[in-house]
């Protein structure tokens, strides 16, 4: 692997990160994680709701910037909400998987 291969990979990685879909997913995952870890007053049932609202707003702004039609903006908001809820589901999948793996390696009494 030479330096040009590394630069090529880095260029492709930056292109992926600049995709609005990836940004919405990552932002929703990060917001949910921060709320879960650092803000104890927020109940767990409210985290998907918060992500839904933030994802809808982000989708409305990022995914429909080039159109003025309401139907397209509404579709973009739904896409953002779907991405945000997918991030919430991904976090739950991660949590349950790590709990299950930890349970496999605990000593039986």
C-alpha atoms as a PDB file:
ATOM      1  CA  UNK A   1       0.000   0.000   0.000  1.00  0.00           C
ATOM      2  CA  UNK A   2       1.595   3.233  -1.106  1.00  0.00           C
ATOM      3  CA  UNK A   3       0.839   6.851  -0.364  1.00  0.00           C
ATOM      4  CA  UNK A   4      -1.397   7.282  -3.440  1.00  0.00           C
ATOM      5  CA  UNK A   5      -3.595   4.399  -2.293  1.00  0.00           C
ATOM      6  CA  UNK A   6      -4.019   6.028   1.089  1.00  0.00           C
ATOM      7  CA  UNK A   7      -4.904   9.366  -0.504  1.00  0.00           C
ATOM      8  CA  UNK A   8      -7.379   7.659  -2.825  1.00  0.00           C
ATOM      9  CA  UNK A   9      -9.051   5.899   0.102  1.00  0.00           C
ATOM     10  CA  UNK A  10      -9.177   9.142   2.086  1.00  0.00           C
ATOM     11  CA  UNK A  11     -10.742  10.945  -0.882  1.00  0.00           C
ATOM     12  CA  UNK A  12     -13.475   8.290  -1.165  1.00  0.00           C
ATOM     13  CA  UNK A  13     -14.062   8.415   2.596  1.00  0.00           C
ATOM     14  CA  UNK A  14     -14.549  12.185   2.489  1.00  0.00           C
ATOM     15  CA  UNK A  15     -17.028  11.813  -0.379  1.00  0.00           C
ATOM     16  CA  UNK A  16     -19.066   9.341   1.687  1.00  0.00           C
ATOM     17  CA  UNK A  17     -19.055  11.561   4.749  1.00  0.00           C
ATOM     18  CA  UNK A  18     -20.289  14.547   2.727  1.00  0.00           C
ATOM     19  CA  UNK A  19     -23.418  12.639   1.698  1.00  0.00           C
ATOM     20  CA  UNK A  20     -26.379  14.256   3.543  1.00  0.00           C
ATOM     21  CA  UNK A  21     -27.871  10.851   4.329  1.00  0.00           C
ATOM     22  CA  UNK A  22     -24.731   9.790   6.181  1.00  0.00           C
ATOM     23  CA  UNK A  23     -24.597  13.130   7.992  1.00  0.00           C
ATOM     24  CA  UNK A  24     -28.183  12.816   9.223  1.00  0.00           C
ATOM     25  CA  UNK A  25     -27.661   9.222  10.368  1.00  0.00           C
ATOM     26  CA  UNK A  26     -24.404  10.051  12.166  1.00  0.00           C
ATOM     27  CA  UNK A  27     -25.801  13.211  13.768  1.00  0.00           C
ATOM     28  CA  UNK A  28     -28.881  11.379  15.051  1.00  0.00           C
ATOM     29  CA  UNK A  29     -26.733   8.561  16.418  1.00  0.00           C
ATOM     30  CA  UNK A  30     -24.446  11.071  18.142  1.00  0.00           C
ATOM     31  CA  UNK A  31     -27.337  13.097  19.611  1.00  0.00           C
ATOM     32  CA  UNK A  32     -28.999   9.952  20.945  1.00  0.00           C
ATOM     33  CA  UNK A  33     -25.732   8.749  22.434  1.00  0.00           C
ATOM     34  CA  UNK A  34     -25.045  12.080  24.140  1.00  0.00           C
ATOM     35  CA  UNK A  35     -28.574  12.185  25.564  1.00  0.00           C
ATOM     36  CA  UNK A  36     -28.275   8.599  26.799  1.00  0.00           C
ATOM     37  CA  UNK A  37     -24.887   9.078  28.435  1.00  0.00           C
ATOM     38  CA  UNK A  38     -24.972  12.619  29.779  1.00  0.00           C
ATOM     39  CA  UNK A  39     -28.537  13.873  30.195  1.00  0.00           C
ATOM     40  CA  UNK A  40     -30.208  11.670  32.781  1.00  0.00           C
ATOM     41  CA  UNK A  41     -33.417  13.698  33.061  1.00  0.00           C
ATOM     42  CA  UNK A  42     -34.557  12.718  29.566  1.00  0.00           C
ATOM     43  CA  UNK A  43     -36.543   9.460  29.679  1.00  0.00           C
ATOM     44  CA  UNK A  44     -35.554   6.695  27.280  1.00  0.00           C
ATOM     45  CA  UNK A  45     -38.888   6.824  25.428  1.00  0.00           C
ATOM     46  CA  UNK A  46     -38.212  10.458  24.459  1.00  0.00           C
ATOM     47  CA  UNK A  47     -34.923   9.802  22.660  1.00  0.00           C
ATOM     48  CA  UNK A  48     -36.514   8.368  19.478  1.00  0.00           C
ATOM     49  CA  UNK A  49     -38.981  11.263  19.486  1.00  0.00           C
ATOM     50  CA  UNK A  50     -36.160  13.802  19.738  1.00  0.00           C
ATOM     51  CA  UNK A  51     -34.278  12.029  16.948  1.00  0.00           C
ATOM     52  CA  UNK A  52     -37.441  11.961  14.827  1.00  0.00           C
ATOM     53  CA  UNK A  53     -37.873  15.733  15.121  1.00  0.00           C
ATOM     54  CA  UNK A  54     -34.190  16.496  14.548  1.00  0.00           C
ATOM     55  CA  UNK A  55     -34.020  14.094  11.599  1.00  0.00           C
ATOM     56  CA  UNK A  56     -37.122  15.633  10.041  1.00  0.00           C
ATOM     57  CA  UNK A  57     -35.668  19.123  10.320  1.00  0.00           C
ATOM     58  CA  UNK A  58     -32.274  18.019   9.013  1.00  0.00           C
ATOM     59  CA  UNK A  59     -33.892  16.177   6.103  1.00  0.00           C
ATOM     60  CA  UNK A  60     -36.034  19.191   5.263  1.00  0.00           C
ATOM     61  CA  UNK A  61     -32.934  21.412   5.201  1.00  0.00           C
ATOM     62  CA  UNK A  62     -30.218  19.143   3.770  1.00  0.00           C
ATOM     63  CA  UNK A  63     -32.100  16.883   1.375  1.00  0.00           C
ATOM     64  CA  UNK A  64     -34.468  19.409  -0.199  1.00  0.00           C
ATOM     65  CA  UNK A  65     -32.235  22.429  -0.608  1.00  0.00           C
ATOM     66  CA  UNK A  66     -32.549  22.457  -4.387  1.00  0.00           C
ATOM     67  CA  UNK A  67     -36.354  22.333  -4.672  1.00  0.00           C
ATOM     68  CA  UNK A  68     -39.210  24.618  -3.734  1.00  0.00           C
ATOM     69  CA  UNK A  69     -42.023  22.064  -4.040  1.00  0.00           C
ATOM     70  CA  UNK A  70     -43.719  21.169  -0.783  1.00  0.00           C
ATOM     71  CA  UNK A  71     -44.140  17.502  -1.749  1.00  0.00           C
ATOM     72  CA  UNK A  72     -40.398  17.113  -2.289  1.00  0.00           C
ATOM     73  CA  UNK A  73     -39.610  18.891   0.964  1.00  0.00           C
ATOM     74  CA  UNK A  74     -42.087  16.668   2.829  1.00  0.00           C
ATOM     75  CA  UNK A  75     -40.523  13.567   1.268  1.00  0.00           C
ATOM     76  CA  UNK A  76     -37.081  14.795   2.325  1.00  0.00           C
ATOM     77  CA  UNK A  77     -38.332  15.371   5.884  1.00  0.00           C
ATOM     78  CA  UNK A  78     -39.687  11.820   5.998  1.00  0.00           C
ATOM     79  CA  UNK A  79     -36.368  10.501   4.711  1.00  0.00           C
ATOM     80  CA  UNK A  80     -34.531  12.417   7.451  1.00  0.00           C
ATOM     81  CA  UNK A  81     -36.904  11.072  10.093  1.00  0.00           C
ATOM     82  CA  UNK A  82     -36.400   7.535   8.778  1.00  0.00           C
ATOM     83  CA  UNK A  83     -32.628   7.916   8.899  1.00  0.00           C
ATOM     84  CA  UNK A  84     -32.785   9.267  12.442  1.00  0.00           C
ATOM     85  CA  UNK A  85     -34.986   6.401  13.625  1.00  0.00           C
ATOM     86  CA  UNK A  86     -32.650   3.953  11.880  1.00  0.00           C
ATOM     87  CA  UNK A  87     -29.795   5.432  13.914  1.00  0.00           C
ATOM     88  CA  UNK A  88     -31.837   4.866  17.075  1.00  0.00           C
ATOM     89  CA  UNK A  89     -32.471   1.267  16.040  1.00  0.00           C
ATOM     90  CA  UNK A  90     -28.791   0.784  15.236  1.00  0.00           C
ATOM     91  CA  UNK A  91     -27.874   1.976  18.724  1.00  0.00           C
ATOM     92  CA  UNK A  92     -30.354  -0.481  20.254  1.00  0.00           C
ATOM     93  CA  UNK A  93     -28.933  -3.301  18.130  1.00  0.00           C
ATOM     94  CA  UNK A  94     -25.436  -2.407  19.317  1.00  0.00           C
ATOM     95  CA  UNK A  95     -26.510  -2.290  22.975  1.00  0.00           C
ATOM     96  CA  UNK A  96     -28.357  -5.626  22.873  1.00  0.00           C
ATOM     97  CA  UNK A  97     -25.532  -7.321  20.975  1.00  0.00           C
ATOM     98  CA  UNK A  98     -22.876  -6.186  23.429  1.00  0.00           C
ATOM     99  CA  UNK A  99     -25.065  -7.233  26.375  1.00  0.00           C
ATOM    100  CA  UNK A 100     -25.498 -10.663  24.798  1.00  0.00           C
ATOM    101  CA  UNK A 101     -21.780 -11.077  24.135  1.00  0.00           C
ATOM    102  CA  UNK A 102     -20.949 -10.034  27.699  1.00  0.00           C
ATOM    103  CA  UNK A 103     -23.441 -12.629  28.946  1.00  0.00           C
ATOM    104  CA  UNK A 104     -21.689 -15.363  26.963  1.00  0.00           C
ATOM    105  CA  UNK A 105     -18.384 -14.763  28.698  1.00  0.00           C
ATOM    106  CA  UNK A 106     -19.636 -14.483  32.276  1.00  0.00           C
ATOM    107  CA  UNK A 107     -18.957 -17.381  34.608  1.00  0.00           C
ATOM    108  CA  UNK A 108     -21.899 -19.633  35.332  1.00  0.00           C
ATOM    109  CA  UNK A 109     -22.615 -20.117  39.005  1.00  0.00           C
END
